[in-house]
């Protein structure tokens, strides 16, 4: 299973209504983080799990859910985490 699929699988526990993951690694070729093998990703995720959480808490929840992947397979992750209510407006 490739890394984006692994990321999607791990984030499935957040029951996302929307999960859009883009691999931007090619844009960072030659960058020190890319040399270590870690990819660069952009994530848009909408989940009820974010209701009542600050932006920082939402990001922490995503990082905790991805666990060890944040230390090896993922060098950089840009996150847009919204609640369903925020996504609808």
PDB file of N, CA and C in Angstrom:
ATOM      1  N   UNK A   1       0.852  -1.175   0.000  1.00  0.00           N
ATOM      2  CA  UNK A   1       0.000   0.000   0.000  1.00  0.00           C
ATOM      3  C   UNK A   1       0.904   1.246   0.000  1.00  0.00           C
ATOM      4  N   UNK A   2       0.566   2.210  -0.859  1.00  0.00           N
ATOM      5  CA  UNK A   2       1.395   3.405  -0.922  1.00  0.00           C
ATOM      6  C   UNK A   2       1.106   4.329   0.271  1.00  0.00           C
ATOM      7  N   UNK A   3       1.960   5.306   0.461  1.00  0.00           N
ATOM      8  CA  UNK A   3       1.865   6.182   1.636  1.00  0.00           C
ATOM      9  C   UNK A   3       0.556   6.979   1.662  1.00  0.00           C
ATOM     10  N   UNK A   4       0.125   7.605   0.557  1.00  0.00           N
ATOM     11  CA  UNK A   4      -1.160   8.311   0.623  1.00  0.00           C
ATOM     12  C   UNK A   4      -2.315   7.388   1.047  1.00  0.00           C
ATOM     13  N   UNK A   5      -2.324   6.162   0.568  1.00  0.00           N
ATOM     14  CA  UNK A   5      -3.378   5.226   0.976  1.00  0.00           C
ATOM     15  C   UNK A   5      -3.272   4.883   2.461  1.00  0.00           C
ATOM     16  N   UNK A   6      -2.051   4.773   2.970  1.00  0.00           N
ATOM     17  CA  UNK A   6      -1.852   4.508   4.399  1.00  0.00           C
ATOM     18  C   UNK A   6      -2.371   5.683   5.231  1.00  0.00           C
ATOM     19  N   UNK A   7      -2.117   6.899   4.764  1.00  0.00           N
ATOM     20  CA  UNK A   7      -2.591   8.094   5.464  1.00  0.00           C
ATOM     21  C   UNK A   7      -4.123   8.089   5.498  1.00  0.00           C
ATOM     22  N   UNK A   8      -4.738   7.837   4.342  1.00  0.00           N
ATOM     23  CA  UNK A   8      -6.203   7.800   4.273  1.00  0.00           C
ATOM     24  C   UNK A   8      -6.772   6.725   5.206  1.00  0.00           C
ATOM     25  N   UNK A   9      -6.130   5.578   5.233  1.00  0.00           N
ATOM     26  CA  UNK A   9      -6.593   4.473   6.088  1.00  0.00           C
ATOM     27  C   UNK A   9      -6.549   4.871   7.563  1.00  0.00           C
ATOM     28  N   UNK A  10      -5.465   5.487   7.988  1.00  0.00           N
ATOM     29  CA  UNK A  10      -5.339   5.906   9.390  1.00  0.00           C
ATOM     30  C   UNK A  10      -6.370   6.986   9.746  1.00  0.00           C
ATOM     31  N   UNK A  11      -6.576   7.939   8.831  1.00  0.00           N
ATOM     32  CA  UNK A  11      -7.504   9.035   9.108  1.00  0.00           C
ATOM     33  C   UNK A  11      -8.967   8.595   9.046  1.00  0.00           C
ATOM     34  N   UNK A  12      -9.231   7.421   8.514  1.00  0.00           N
ATOM     35  CA  UNK A  12     -10.607   6.906   8.439  1.00  0.00           C
ATOM     36  C   UNK A  12     -11.233   6.775   9.828  1.00  0.00           C
ATOM     37  N   UNK A  13     -10.423   6.626  10.887  1.00  0.00           N
ATOM     38  CA  UNK A  13     -10.963   6.506  12.242  1.00  0.00           C
ATOM     39  C   UNK A  13     -11.620   7.809  12.702  1.00  0.00           C
ATOM     40  N   UNK A  14     -11.344   8.915  12.014  1.00  0.00           N
ATOM     41  CA  UNK A  14     -11.975  10.201  12.344  1.00  0.00           C
ATOM     42  C   UNK A  14     -13.333  10.343  11.653  1.00  0.00           C
ATOM     43  N   UNK A  15     -13.747   9.316  10.922  1.00  0.00           N
ATOM     44  CA  UNK A  15     -15.024   9.317  10.201  1.00  0.00           C
ATOM     45  C   UNK A  15     -15.214  10.585   9.372  1.00  0.00           C
ATOM     46  N   UNK A  16     -14.263  10.883   8.495  1.00  0.00           N
ATOM     47  CA  UNK A  16     -14.367  12.128   7.730  1.00  0.00           C
ATOM     48  C   UNK A  16     -15.516  12.106   6.726  1.00  0.00           C
ATOM     49  N   UNK A  17     -16.180  13.239   6.606  1.00  0.00           N
ATOM     50  CA  UNK A  17     -17.187  13.414   5.562  1.00  0.00           C
ATOM     51  C   UNK A  17     -16.506  13.804   4.255  1.00  0.00           C
ATOM     52  N   UNK A  18     -15.331  14.397   4.386  1.00  0.00           N
ATOM     53  CA  UNK A  18     -14.498  14.744   3.240  1.00  0.00           C
ATOM     54  C   UNK A  18     -13.058  14.520   3.641  1.00  0.00           C
ATOM     55  N   UNK A  19     -12.302  13.888   2.766  1.00  0.00           N
ATOM     56  CA  UNK A  19     -10.872  13.715   2.986  1.00  0.00           C
ATOM     57  C   UNK A  19     -10.212  13.870   1.621  1.00  0.00           C
ATOM     58  N   UNK A  20      -9.543  14.995   1.434  1.00  0.00           N
ATOM     59  CA  UNK A  20      -8.840  15.270   0.186  1.00  0.00           C
ATOM     60  C   UNK A  20      -7.360  15.391   0.522  1.00  0.00           C
ATOM     61  N   UNK A  21      -6.572  14.467   0.005  1.00  0.00           N
ATOM     62  CA  UNK A  21      -5.137  14.441   0.286  1.00  0.00           C
ATOM     63  C   UNK A  21      -4.381  14.597  -1.022  1.00  0.00           C
ATOM     64  N   UNK A  22      -3.503  15.596  -1.056  1.00  0.00           N
ATOM     65  CA  UNK A  22      -2.672  15.812  -2.239  1.00  0.00           C
ATOM     66  C   UNK A  22      -1.207  15.609  -1.878  1.00  0.00           C
ATOM     67  N   UNK A  23      -0.505  14.898  -2.731  1.00  0.00           N
ATOM     68  CA  UNK A  23       0.921  14.649  -2.553  1.00  0.00           C
ATOM     69  C   UNK A  23       1.685  15.730  -3.308  1.00  0.00           C
ATOM     70  N   UNK A  24       2.325  16.627  -2.563  1.00  0.00           N
ATOM     71  CA  UNK A  24       3.111  17.714  -3.151  1.00  0.00           C
ATOM     72  C   UNK A  24       4.609  17.418  -3.124  1.00  0.00           C
ATOM     73  N   UNK A  25       4.971  16.178  -2.906  1.00  0.00           N
ATOM     74  CA  UNK A  25       6.384  15.812  -2.739  1.00  0.00           C
ATOM     75  C   UNK A  25       7.241  16.207  -3.935  1.00  0.00           C
ATOM     76  N   UNK A  26       6.720  16.059  -5.143  1.00  0.00           N
ATOM     77  CA  UNK A  26       7.514  16.368  -6.340  1.00  0.00           C
ATOM     78  C   UNK A  26       7.938  17.834  -6.372  1.00  0.00           C
ATOM     79  N   UNK A  27       7.126  18.704  -5.769  1.00  0.00           N
ATOM     80  CA  UNK A  27       7.454  20.136  -5.730  1.00  0.00           C
ATOM     81  C   UNK A  27       8.627  20.427  -4.801  1.00  0.00           C
ATOM     82  N   UNK A  28       8.975  19.461  -3.964  1.00  0.00           N
ATOM     83  CA  UNK A  28      10.018  19.672  -2.963  1.00  0.00           C
ATOM     84  C   UNK A  28      11.243  18.796  -3.195  1.00  0.00           C
ATOM     85  N   UNK A  29      11.391  18.245  -4.378  1.00  0.00           N
ATOM     86  CA  UNK A  29      12.543  17.398  -4.702  1.00  0.00           C
ATOM     87  C   UNK A  29      13.829  18.186  -4.469  1.00  0.00           C
ATOM     88  N   UNK A  30      14.804  17.540  -3.856  1.00  0.00           N
ATOM     89  CA  UNK A  30      16.075  18.185  -3.573  1.00  0.00           C
ATOM     90  C   UNK A  30      16.112  18.881  -2.229  1.00  0.00           C
ATOM     91  N   UNK A  31      14.982  19.055  -1.611  1.00  0.00           N
ATOM     92  CA  UNK A  31      14.847  19.670  -0.290  1.00  0.00           C
ATOM     93  C   UNK A  31      15.379  18.674   0.759  1.00  0.00           C
ATOM     94  N   UNK A  32      15.970  19.155   1.833  1.00  0.00           N
ATOM     95  CA  UNK A  32      16.578  18.287   2.849  1.00  0.00           C
ATOM     96  C   UNK A  32      15.589  17.260   3.401  1.00  0.00           C
ATOM     97  N   UNK A  33      14.364  17.659   3.658  1.00  0.00           N
ATOM     98  CA  UNK A  33      13.369  16.726   4.175  1.00  0.00           C
ATOM     99  C   UNK A  33      13.015  15.654   3.172  1.00  0.00           C
ATOM    100  N   UNK A  34      13.000  16.020   1.898  1.00  0.00           N
ATOM    101  CA  UNK A  34      12.699  15.051   0.848  1.00  0.00           C
ATOM    102  C   UNK A  34      13.823  14.032   0.734  1.00  0.00           C
ATOM    103  N   UNK A  35      15.048  14.461   1.002  1.00  0.00           N
ATOM    104  CA  UNK A  35      16.189  13.552   0.917  1.00  0.00           C
ATOM    105  C   UNK A  35      16.079  12.416   1.921  1.00  0.00           C
ATOM    106  N   UNK A  36      15.438  12.668   3.054  1.00  0.00           N
ATOM    107  CA  UNK A  36      15.293  11.630   4.074  1.00  0.00           C
ATOM    108  C   UNK A  36      14.141  10.681   3.748  1.00  0.00           C
ATOM    109  N   UNK A  37      13.408  10.971   2.663  1.00  0.00           N
ATOM    110  CA  UNK A  37      12.337  10.086   2.243  1.00  0.00           C
ATOM    111  C   UNK A  37      10.955  10.520   2.681  1.00  0.00           C
ATOM    112  N   UNK A  38      10.865  11.534   3.528  1.00  0.00           N
ATOM    113  CA  UNK A  38       9.556  11.999   3.984  1.00  0.00           C
ATOM    114  C   UNK A  38       8.865  12.826   2.921  1.00  0.00           C
ATOM    115  N   UNK A  39       7.562  12.582   2.736  1.00  0.00           N
ATOM    116  CA  UNK A  39       6.803  13.292   1.715  1.00  0.00           C
ATOM    117  C   UNK A  39       6.173  14.567   2.237  1.00  0.00           C
ATOM    118  N   UNK A  40       5.738  15.391   1.304  1.00  0.00           N
ATOM    119  CA  UNK A  40       5.037  16.647   1.586  1.00  0.00           C
ATOM    120  C   UNK A  40       3.594  16.481   1.114  1.00  0.00           C
ATOM    121  N   UNK A  41       2.645  16.711   2.013  1.00  0.00           N
ATOM    122  CA  UNK A  41       1.236  16.489   1.702  1.00  0.00           C
ATOM    123  C   UNK A  41       0.383  17.679   2.115  1.00  0.00           C
ATOM    124  N   UNK A  42      -0.753  17.826   1.437  1.00  0.00           N
ATOM    125  CA  UNK A  42      -1.751  18.847   1.746  1.00  0.00           C
ATOM    126  C   UNK A  42      -3.053  18.103   2.005  1.00  0.00           C
ATOM    127  N   UNK A  43      -3.658  18.357   3.177  1.00  0.00           N
ATOM    128  CA  UNK A  43      -4.847  17.635   3.605  1.00  0.00           C
ATOM    129  C   UNK A  43      -6.008  18.583   3.867  1.00  0.00           C
ATOM    130  N   UNK A  44      -7.152  18.277   3.292  1.00  0.00           N
ATOM    131  CA  UNK A  44      -8.418  18.922   3.647  1.00  0.00           C
ATOM    132  C   UNK A  44      -9.277  17.813   4.238  1.00  0.00           C
ATOM    133  N   UNK A  45      -9.752  18.030   5.455  1.00  0.00           N
ATOM    134  CA  UNK A  45     -10.544  17.017   6.123  1.00  0.00           C
ATOM    135  C   UNK A  45     -11.707  17.683   6.868  1.00  0.00           C
ATOM    136  N   UNK A  46     -12.888  17.076   6.734  1.00  0.00           N
ATOM    137  CA  UNK A  46     -14.092  17.549   7.409  1.00  0.00           C
ATOM    138  C   UNK A  46     -14.598  16.407   8.267  1.00  0.00           C
ATOM    139  N   UNK A  47     -14.778  16.681   9.574  1.00  0.00           N
ATOM    140  CA  UNK A  47     -15.213  15.631  10.487  1.00  0.00           C
ATOM    141  C   UNK A  47     -15.956  16.212  11.682  1.00  0.00           C
ATOM    142  N   UNK A  48     -16.946  15.486  12.148  1.00  0.00           N
ATOM    143  CA  UNK A  48     -17.659  15.843  13.387  1.00  0.00           C
ATOM    144  C   UNK A  48     -16.705  15.840  14.579  1.00  0.00           C
ATOM    145  N   UNK A  49     -15.634  15.075  14.483  1.00  0.00           N
ATOM    146  CA  UNK A  49     -14.665  14.980  15.584  1.00  0.00           C
ATOM    147  C   UNK A  49     -14.007  16.316  15.904  1.00  0.00           C
ATOM    148  N   UNK A  50     -14.073  17.272  14.989  1.00  0.00           N
ATOM    149  CA  UNK A  50     -13.442  18.575  15.196  1.00  0.00           C
ATOM    150  C   UNK A  50     -14.351  19.572  15.903  1.00  0.00           C
ATOM    151  N   UNK A  51     -15.625  19.222  16.085  1.00  0.00           N
ATOM    152  CA  UNK A  51     -16.568  20.123  16.743  1.00  0.00           C
ATOM    153  C   UNK A  51     -16.075  20.428  18.159  1.00  0.00           C
ATOM    154  N   UNK A  52     -16.000  21.711  18.490  1.00  0.00           N
ATOM    155  CA  UNK A  52     -15.569  22.138  19.819  1.00  0.00           C
ATOM    156  C   UNK A  52     -14.066  22.197  20.014  1.00  0.00           C
ATOM    157  N   UNK A  53     -13.297  21.839  19.000  1.00  0.00           N
ATOM    158  CA  UNK A  53     -11.835  21.868  19.112  1.00  0.00           C
ATOM    159  C   UNK A  53     -11.277  23.117  18.438  1.00  0.00           C
ATOM    160  N   UNK A  54     -10.230  23.671  19.018  1.00  0.00           N
ATOM    161  CA  UNK A  54      -9.520  24.777  18.384  1.00  0.00           C
ATOM    162  C   UNK A  54      -8.760  24.240  17.173  1.00  0.00           C
ATOM    163  N   UNK A  55      -8.287  25.144  16.355  1.00  0.00           N
ATOM    164  CA  UNK A  55      -7.498  24.749  15.190  1.00  0.00           C
ATOM    165  C   UNK A  55      -6.272  23.939  15.611  1.00  0.00           C
ATOM    166  N   UNK A  56      -5.604  24.380  16.661  1.00  0.00           N
ATOM    167  CA  UNK A  56      -4.414  23.667  17.144  1.00  0.00           C
ATOM    168  C   UNK A  56      -4.790  22.260  17.617  1.00  0.00           C
ATOM    169  N   UNK A  57      -5.889  22.136  18.336  1.00  0.00           N
ATOM    170  CA  UNK A  57      -6.331  20.823  18.824  1.00  0.00           C
ATOM    171  C   UNK A  57      -6.710  19.904  17.659  1.00  0.00           C
ATOM    172  N   UNK A  58      -7.292  20.461  16.623  1.00  0.00           N
ATOM    173  CA  UNK A  58      -7.637  19.657  15.437  1.00  0.00           C
ATOM    174  C   UNK A  58      -6.379  19.114  14.785  1.00  0.00           C
ATOM    175  N   UNK A  59      -5.374  19.974  14.651  1.00  0.00           N
ATOM    176  CA  UNK A  59      -4.111  19.543  14.047  1.00  0.00           C
ATOM    177  C   UNK A  59      -3.454  18.465  14.911  1.00  0.00           C
ATOM    178  N   UNK A  60      -3.472  18.663  16.207  1.00  0.00           N
ATOM    179  CA  UNK A  60      -2.887  17.656  17.108  1.00  0.00           C
ATOM    180  C   UNK A  60      -3.594  16.320  16.963  1.00  0.00           C
ATOM    181  N   UNK A  61      -4.913  16.345  16.831  1.00  0.00           N
ATOM    182  CA  UNK A  61      -5.675  15.106  16.659  1.00  0.00           C
ATOM    183  C   UNK A  61      -5.257  14.398  15.372  1.00  0.00           C
ATOM    184  N   UNK A  62      -5.080  15.148  14.302  1.00  0.00           N
ATOM    185  CA  UNK A  62      -4.621  14.552  13.036  1.00  0.00           C
ATOM    186  C   UNK A  62      -3.223  13.965  13.217  1.00  0.00           C
ATOM    187  N   UNK A  63      -2.303  14.728  13.833  1.00  0.00           N
ATOM    188  CA  UNK A  63      -0.939  14.233  14.051  1.00  0.00           C
ATOM    189  C   UNK A  63      -0.936  12.969  14.903  1.00  0.00           C
ATOM    190  N   UNK A  64      -1.717  12.966  15.976  1.00  0.00           N
ATOM    191  CA  UNK A  64      -1.782  11.790  16.848  1.00  0.00           C
ATOM    192  C   UNK A  64      -2.353  10.588  16.105  1.00  0.00           C
ATOM    193  N   UNK A  65      -3.328  10.827  15.263  1.00  0.00           N
ATOM    194  CA  UNK A  65      -3.933   9.747  14.491  1.00  0.00           C
ATOM    195  C   UNK A  65      -2.934   9.150  13.515  1.00  0.00           C
ATOM    196  N   UNK A  66      -2.094   9.977  12.935  1.00  0.00           N
ATOM    197  CA  UNK A  66      -1.084   9.484  11.990  1.00  0.00           C
ATOM    198  C   UNK A  66       0.113   8.863  12.699  1.00  0.00           C
ATOM    199  N   UNK A  67       0.304   9.178  13.955  1.00  0.00           N
ATOM    200  CA  UNK A  67       1.336   8.538  14.777  1.00  0.00           C
ATOM    201  C   UNK A  67       2.730   8.573  14.180  1.00  0.00           C
ATOM    202  N   UNK A  68       3.343   7.417  14.107  1.00  0.00           N
ATOM    203  CA  UNK A  68       4.735   7.288  13.652  1.00  0.00           C
ATOM    204  C   UNK A  68       4.950   7.772  12.219  1.00  0.00           C
ATOM    205  N   UNK A  69       3.901   7.792  11.427  1.00  0.00           N
ATOM    206  CA  UNK A  69       4.059   8.265  10.045  1.00  0.00           C
ATOM    207  C   UNK A  69       4.559   9.707  10.023  1.00  0.00           C
ATOM    208  N   UNK A  70       4.218  10.487  11.058  1.00  0.00           N
ATOM    209  CA  UNK A  70       4.658  11.883  11.121  1.00  0.00           C
ATOM    210  C   UNK A  70       6.165  11.988  11.367  1.00  0.00           C
ATOM    211  N   UNK A  71       6.788  10.928  11.788  1.00  0.00           N
ATOM    212  CA  UNK A  71       8.227  10.952  12.056  1.00  0.00           C
ATOM    213  C   UNK A  71       9.050  10.309  10.937  1.00  0.00           C
ATOM    214  N   UNK A  72       8.375   9.579  10.060  1.00  0.00           N
ATOM    215  CA  UNK A  72       9.121   8.876   9.013  1.00  0.00           C
ATOM    216  C   UNK A  72       8.606   9.205   7.610  1.00  0.00           C
ATOM    217  N   UNK A  73       7.415   8.745   7.301  1.00  0.00           N
ATOM    218  CA  UNK A  73       6.900   8.864   5.934  1.00  0.00           C
ATOM    219  C   UNK A  73       6.442  10.269   5.569  1.00  0.00           C
ATOM    220  N   UNK A  74       6.088  11.073   6.575  1.00  0.00           N
ATOM    221  CA  UNK A  74       5.582  12.419   6.312  1.00  0.00           C
ATOM    222  C   UNK A  74       6.569  13.449   6.852  1.00  0.00           C
ATOM    223  N   UNK A  75       7.108  14.263   5.961  1.00  0.00           N
ATOM    224  CA  UNK A  75       8.015  15.336   6.383  1.00  0.00           C
ATOM    225  C   UNK A  75       7.227  16.613   6.672  1.00  0.00           C
ATOM    226  N   UNK A  76       6.223  16.883   5.820  1.00  0.00           N
ATOM    227  CA  UNK A  76       5.424  18.095   5.978  1.00  0.00           C
ATOM    228  C   UNK A  76       3.962  17.787   5.647  1.00  0.00           C
ATOM    229  N   UNK A  77       3.067  18.342   6.466  1.00  0.00           N
ATOM    230  CA  UNK A  77       1.640  18.133   6.261  1.00  0.00           C
ATOM    231  C   UNK A  77       0.905  19.448   6.503  1.00  0.00           C
ATOM    232  N   UNK A  78       0.358  20.023   5.447  1.00  0.00           N
ATOM    233  CA  UNK A  78      -0.470  21.224   5.564  1.00  0.00           C
ATOM    234  C   UNK A  78      -1.901  20.746   5.779  1.00  0.00           C
ATOM    235  N   UNK A  79      -2.531  21.221   6.853  1.00  0.00           N
ATOM    236  CA  UNK A  79      -3.844  20.702   7.230  1.00  0.00           C
ATOM    237  C   UNK A  79      -4.891  21.819   7.228  1.00  0.00           C
ATOM    238  N   UNK A  80      -6.020  21.530   6.596  1.00  0.00           N
ATOM    239  CA  UNK A  80      -7.226  22.351   6.707  1.00  0.00           C
ATOM    240  C   UNK A  80      -8.271  21.423   7.304  1.00  0.00           C
ATOM    241  N   UNK A  81      -8.551  21.575   8.599  1.00  0.00           N
ATOM    242  CA  UNK A  81      -9.476  20.704   9.311  1.00  0.00           C
ATOM    243  C   UNK A  81     -10.714  21.502   9.713  1.00  0.00           C
ATOM    244  N   UNK A  82     -11.881  21.079   9.198  1.00  0.00           N
ATOM    245  CA  UNK A  82     -13.106  21.815   9.446  1.00  0.00           C
ATOM    246  C   UNK A  82     -14.203  20.874   9.959  1.00  0.00           C
ATOM    247  N   UNK A  83     -15.181  21.456  10.611  1.00  0.00           N
ATOM    248  CA  UNK A  83     -16.378  20.716  11.020  1.00  0.00           C
ATOM    249  C   UNK A  83     -17.341  20.716   9.832  1.00  0.00           C
ATOM    250  N   UNK A  84     -18.333  19.821   9.826  1.00  0.00           N
ATOM    251  CA  UNK A  84     -19.321  19.846   8.745  1.00  0.00           C
ATOM    252  C   UNK A  84     -20.036  21.195   8.635  1.00  0.00           C
ATOM    253  N   UNK A  85     -20.327  21.825   9.767  1.00  0.00           N
ATOM    254  CA  UNK A  85     -20.981  23.128   9.754  1.00  0.00           C
ATOM    255  C   UNK A  85     -20.117  24.196   9.098  1.00  0.00           C
ATOM    256  N   UNK A  86     -18.822  24.167   9.363  1.00  0.00           N
ATOM    257  CA  UNK A  86     -17.897  25.123   8.755  1.00  0.00           C
ATOM    258  C   UNK A  86     -17.766  24.861   7.266  1.00  0.00           C
ATOM    259  N   UNK A  87     -17.783  23.605   6.883  1.00  0.00           N
ATOM    260  CA  UNK A  87     -17.619  23.252   5.462  1.00  0.00           C
ATOM    261  C   UNK A  87     -18.854  23.657   4.654  1.00  0.00           C
ATOM    262  N   UNK A  88     -20.029  23.662   5.304  1.00  0.00           N
ATOM    263  CA  UNK A  88     -21.266  23.987   4.599  1.00  0.00           C
ATOM    264  C   UNK A  88     -21.434  25.484   4.374  1.00  0.00           C
ATOM    265  N   UNK A  89     -20.725  26.295   5.164  1.00  0.00           N
ATOM    266  CA  UNK A  89     -20.914  27.746   5.025  1.00  0.00           C
ATOM    267  C   UNK A  89     -19.905  28.381   4.107  1.00  0.00           C
TER     268      UNK A  89
END
